[in-house]
Amino acid sequence: MHQIKYTNDINSEIYHDSLKIRTTVFVKEQNVPENIEIDKLEDHCTHFVLYDDQTPMATARFFVTTDNGIHIQRVAVLKEYRQKHLGSELLKYIFDFAKKHDYQYVILGAQDHAQMFYTKLGFKVVGEQYKEAGILHHDMKLDL
């Protein structure tokens, strides 16, 4: 049974589980420099981790925008758990969380290869293509 936990405490076990996933996926697999991956926003975000029993498998974080939306970042699923819809499960949980807290929309910077994944969840591309950490992205938005 999957369980999703979240925290704003960067000293918590949940946060450290999130960092382990992010380091594996972004730093080791995608060669994102660690000083870009772990940034000054860490303690301003809510960090989510999806677990199976006690095993952390997927993560994401968000911060609140100035106009009552949330900006999701660092969506990652460990390689051995991909293609099991865990990313969708985690994001839908975050959407519900955001709705309960009366946020109006979700925005994120999607790596171009992942655009179809986000489109299936209802996101639409907004803005021009850009490069972040050497990877092509587009911003995508979902109204809640």
C-alpha atoms as a PDB file:
ATOM      1  CA  MET A   1       0.000   0.000   0.000  1.00  0.00           C
ATOM      2  CA  HIS A   2       1.362   3.389  -0.977  1.00  0.00           C
ATOM      3  CA  GLN A   3       1.592   6.161   1.537  1.00  0.00           C
ATOM      4  CA  ILE A   4       2.414   9.788   0.805  1.00  0.00           C
ATOM      5  CA  LYS A   5       4.055  11.895   3.486  1.00  0.00           C
ATOM      6  CA  TYR A   6       5.025  15.542   3.386  1.00  0.00           C
ATOM      7  CA  THR A   7       7.087  17.987   5.391  1.00  0.00           C
ATOM      8  CA  ASN A   8       8.387  21.537   5.537  1.00  0.00           C
ATOM      9  CA  ASP A   9      11.185  20.489   7.909  1.00  0.00           C
ATOM     10  CA  ILE A  10      14.533  20.059   6.158  1.00  0.00           C
ATOM     11  CA  ASN A  11      15.793  18.113   9.176  1.00  0.00           C
ATOM     12  CA  SER A  12      13.090  15.453   8.834  1.00  0.00           C
ATOM     13  CA  GLU A  13      13.466  11.895   7.565  1.00  0.00           C
ATOM     14  CA  ILE A  14      10.897  12.638   4.845  1.00  0.00           C
ATOM     15  CA  TYR A  15      13.016  15.486   3.483  1.00  0.00           C
ATOM     16  CA  HIS A  16      16.144  13.319   3.544  1.00  0.00           C
ATOM     17  CA  ASP A  17      14.304  10.540   1.685  1.00  0.00           C
ATOM     18  CA  SER A  18      13.300  13.140  -0.901  1.00  0.00           C
ATOM     19  CA  LEU A  19      16.912  14.281  -1.271  1.00  0.00           C
ATOM     20  CA  LYS A  20      18.119  10.689  -1.771  1.00  0.00           C
ATOM     21  CA  ILE A  21      15.647  10.226  -4.639  1.00  0.00           C
ATOM     22  CA  ARG A  22      16.504  13.589  -6.192  1.00  0.00           C
ATOM     23  CA  THR A  23      20.238  12.954  -5.936  1.00  0.00           C
ATOM     24  CA  THR A  24      19.859   9.562  -7.607  1.00  0.00           C
ATOM     25  CA  VAL A  25      17.617  10.791 -10.426  1.00  0.00           C
ATOM     26  CA  PHE A  26      18.876  14.294 -11.133  1.00  0.00           C
ATOM     27  CA  VAL A  27      22.517  14.325 -10.018  1.00  0.00           C
ATOM     28  CA  LYS A  28      23.560  10.754 -10.842  1.00  0.00           C
ATOM     29  CA  GLU A  29      21.293   9.899 -13.806  1.00  0.00           C
ATOM     30  CA  GLN A  30      20.876  13.308 -15.454  1.00  0.00           C
ATOM     31  CA  ASN A  31      24.190  14.869 -14.384  1.00  0.00           C
ATOM     32  CA  VAL A  32      22.589  17.952 -12.853  1.00  0.00           C
ATOM     33  CA  PRO A  33      25.198  19.680 -10.666  1.00  0.00           C
ATOM     34  CA  GLU A  34      24.398  19.143  -6.989  1.00  0.00           C
ATOM     35  CA  ASN A  35      24.677  22.879  -6.259  1.00  0.00           C
ATOM     36  CA  ILE A  36      21.813  23.465  -8.738  1.00  0.00           C
ATOM     37  CA  GLU A  37      19.705  20.532  -7.561  1.00  0.00           C
ATOM     38  CA  ILE A  38      19.864  21.455  -3.871  1.00  0.00           C
ATOM     39  CA  ASP A  39      19.081  25.149  -3.808  1.00  0.00           C
ATOM     40  CA  LYS A  40      18.162  28.083  -1.600  1.00  0.00           C
ATOM     41  CA  LEU A  41      14.441  27.202  -1.813  1.00  0.00           C
ATOM     42  CA  GLU A  42      14.736  23.927   0.141  1.00  0.00           C
ATOM     43  CA  ASP A  43      13.418  25.370   3.407  1.00  0.00           C
ATOM     44  CA  HIS A  44      10.665  27.344   1.614  1.00  0.00           C
ATOM     45  CA  CYS A  45       9.080  24.263   0.029  1.00  0.00           C
ATOM     46  CA  THR A  46       6.728  21.502   1.038  1.00  0.00           C
ATOM     47  CA  HIS A  47       8.423  18.204   0.195  1.00  0.00           C
ATOM     48  CA  PHE A  48       6.390  15.084  -0.660  1.00  0.00           C
ATOM     49  CA  VAL A  49       7.543  11.464  -0.767  1.00  0.00           C
ATOM     50  CA  LEU A  50       5.563   8.441  -1.955  1.00  0.00           C
ATOM     51  CA  TYR A  51       6.412   5.260  -0.043  1.00  0.00           C
ATOM     52  CA  ASP A  52       5.604   1.596  -0.475  1.00  0.00           C
ATOM     53  CA  ASP A  53       5.748   0.263   3.073  1.00  0.00           C
ATOM     54  CA  GLN A  54       8.897   2.100   4.236  1.00  0.00           C
ATOM     55  CA  THR A  55      10.572   2.322   0.810  1.00  0.00           C
ATOM     56  CA  PRO A  56      10.732   5.828  -0.702  1.00  0.00           C
ATOM     57  CA  MET A  57      10.004   5.620  -4.445  1.00  0.00           C
ATOM     58  CA  ALA A  58       8.960   9.080  -5.738  1.00  0.00           C
ATOM     59  CA  THR A  59       9.197  12.691  -4.682  1.00  0.00           C
ATOM     60  CA  ALA A  60       8.205  16.257  -5.569  1.00  0.00           C
ATOM     61  CA  ARG A  61       8.196  19.629  -3.876  1.00  0.00           C
ATOM     62  CA  PHE A  62       6.337  22.886  -4.234  1.00  0.00           C
ATOM     63  CA  PHE A  63       6.455  26.463  -3.102  1.00  0.00           C
ATOM     64  CA  VAL A  64       3.580  28.918  -3.021  1.00  0.00           C
ATOM     65  CA  THR A  65       3.582  31.628  -5.706  1.00  0.00           C
ATOM     66  CA  THR A  66       2.795  35.281  -5.013  1.00  0.00           C
ATOM     67  CA  ASP A  67      -0.568  34.984  -6.811  1.00  0.00           C
ATOM     68  CA  ASN A  68      -2.012  32.001  -4.908  1.00  0.00           C
ATOM     69  CA  GLY A  69      -0.720  29.140  -6.996  1.00  0.00           C
ATOM     70  CA  ILE A  70       1.844  26.460  -6.367  1.00  0.00           C
ATOM     71  CA  HIS A  71       5.046  25.874  -8.305  1.00  0.00           C
ATOM     72  CA  ILE A  72       5.901  22.173  -8.364  1.00  0.00           C
ATOM     73  CA  GLN A  73       9.527  21.194  -8.808  1.00  0.00           C
ATOM     74  CA  ARG A  74      11.850  18.218  -8.490  1.00  0.00           C
ATOM     75  CA  VAL A  75       9.360  15.553  -9.585  1.00  0.00           C
ATOM     76  CA  ALA A  76      11.329  12.293  -9.588  1.00  0.00           C
ATOM     77  CA  VAL A  77      10.664   8.555  -9.524  1.00  0.00           C
ATOM     78  CA  LEU A  78      13.476   6.086  -8.905  1.00  0.00           C
ATOM     79  CA  LYS A  79      14.297   4.111 -12.058  1.00  0.00           C
ATOM     80  CA  GLU A  80      13.193   0.726 -10.703  1.00  0.00           C
ATOM     81  CA  TYR A  81       9.708   2.110  -9.943  1.00  0.00           C
ATOM     82  CA  ARG A  82       9.023   3.951 -13.208  1.00  0.00           C
ATOM     83  CA  GLN A  83       6.124   3.042 -15.498  1.00  0.00           C
ATOM     84  CA  LYS A  84       3.986   2.153 -12.451  1.00  0.00           C
ATOM     85  CA  HIS A  85       2.033   5.471 -12.427  1.00  0.00           C
ATOM     86  CA  LEU A  86       3.689   6.588  -9.181  1.00  0.00           C
ATOM     87  CA  GLY A  87       4.446  10.062 -10.542  1.00  0.00           C
ATOM     88  CA  SER A  88       0.782  10.521 -11.460  1.00  0.00           C
ATOM     89  CA  GLU A  89      -0.341   9.214  -8.077  1.00  0.00           C
ATOM     90  CA  LEU A  90       1.964  11.622  -6.260  1.00  0.00           C
ATOM     91  CA  LEU A  91       0.992  14.628  -8.375  1.00  0.00           C
ATOM     92  CA  LYS A  92      -2.740  13.945  -8.021  1.00  0.00           C
ATOM     93  CA  TYR A  93      -2.227  13.847  -4.256  1.00  0.00           C
ATOM     94  CA  ILE A  94      -0.468  17.230  -4.440  1.00  0.00           C
ATOM     95  CA  PHE A  95      -3.304  18.636  -6.613  1.00  0.00           C
ATOM     96  CA  ASP A  96      -5.838  17.542  -3.968  1.00  0.00           C
ATOM     97  CA  PHE A  97      -3.652  19.035  -1.238  1.00  0.00           C
ATOM     98  CA  ALA A  98      -3.497  22.325  -3.184  1.00  0.00           C
ATOM     99  CA  LYS A  99      -7.276  22.404  -3.739  1.00  0.00           C
ATOM    100  CA  LYS A 100      -7.914  21.824  -0.019  1.00  0.00           C
ATOM    101  CA  HIS A 101      -5.689  24.826   0.703  1.00  0.00           C
ATOM    102  CA  ASP A 102      -7.514  26.966  -1.892  1.00  0.00           C
ATOM    103  CA  TYR A 103      -4.630  27.397  -4.313  1.00  0.00           C
ATOM    104  CA  GLN A 104      -5.782  28.400  -7.804  1.00  0.00           C
ATOM    105  CA  TYR A 105      -3.315  26.711 -10.133  1.00  0.00           C
ATOM    106  CA  VAL A 106      -0.203  24.584 -10.484  1.00  0.00           C
ATOM    107  CA  ILE A 107       2.789  25.569 -12.591  1.00  0.00           C
ATOM    108  CA  LEU A 108       5.970  23.636 -13.230  1.00  0.00           C
ATOM    109  CA  GLY A 109       8.998  23.563 -15.486  1.00  0.00           C
ATOM    110  CA  ALA A 110       8.707  20.277 -17.384  1.00  0.00           C
ATOM    111  CA  GLN A 111      11.669  18.657 -19.037  1.00  0.00           C
ATOM    112  CA  ASP A 112      10.670  18.457 -22.685  1.00  0.00           C
ATOM    113  CA  HIS A 113      10.876  14.656 -22.778  1.00  0.00           C
ATOM    114  CA  ALA A 114       8.260  14.548 -19.958  1.00  0.00           C
ATOM    115  CA  GLN A 115       5.724  16.931 -21.547  1.00  0.00           C
ATOM    116  CA  MET A 116       3.345  14.158 -22.598  1.00  0.00           C
ATOM    117  CA  PHE A 117       3.236  12.871 -19.011  1.00  0.00           C
ATOM    118  CA  TYR A 118       2.121  16.292 -17.771  1.00  0.00           C
ATOM    119  CA  THR A 119      -0.269  16.826 -20.687  1.00  0.00           C
ATOM    120  CA  LYS A 120      -2.108  13.630 -19.695  1.00  0.00           C
ATOM    121  CA  LEU A 121      -2.602  15.165 -16.241  1.00  0.00           C
ATOM    122  CA  GLY A 122      -4.213  18.266 -17.781  1.00  0.00           C
ATOM    123  CA  PHE A 123      -1.255  20.652 -18.012  1.00  0.00           C
ATOM    124  CA  LYS A 124      -0.827  23.012 -20.954  1.00  0.00           C
ATOM    125  CA  VAL A 125       2.441  24.487 -22.202  1.00  0.00           C
ATOM    126  CA  VAL A 126       2.875  28.177 -21.406  1.00  0.00           C
ATOM    127  CA  GLY A 127       5.835  30.203 -22.604  1.00  0.00           C
ATOM    128  CA  GLU A 128       8.921  29.514 -24.649  1.00  0.00           C
ATOM    129  CA  GLN A 129      11.416  26.685 -24.419  1.00  0.00           C
ATOM    130  CA  TYR A 130      14.387  27.243 -22.112  1.00  0.00           C
ATOM    131  CA  LYS A 131      17.385  25.325 -20.873  1.00  0.00           C
ATOM    132  CA  GLU A 132      17.903  24.569 -17.194  1.00  0.00           C
ATOM    133  CA  ALA A 133      20.885  22.532 -15.997  1.00  0.00           C
ATOM    134  CA  GLY A 134      21.589  21.749 -19.651  1.00  0.00           C
ATOM    135  CA  ILE A 135      18.115  20.180 -20.153  1.00  0.00           C
ATOM    136  CA  LEU A 136      15.388  21.646 -22.392  1.00  0.00           C
ATOM    137  CA  HIS A 137      12.192  22.645 -20.542  1.00  0.00           C
ATOM    138  CA  HIS A 138       8.833  24.344 -21.034  1.00  0.00           C
ATOM    139  CA  ASP A 139       6.681  25.814 -18.302  1.00  0.00           C
ATOM    140  CA  MET A 140       3.337  24.060 -18.013  1.00  0.00           C
ATOM    141  CA  LYS A 141       0.234  25.145 -16.105  1.00  0.00           C
ATOM    142  CA  LEU A 142      -2.852  23.436 -14.699  1.00  0.00           C
ATOM    143  CA  ASP A 143      -5.804  25.404 -13.341  1.00  0.00           C
ATOM    144  CA  LEU A 144      -7.314  23.795 -10.241  1.00  0.00           C
END
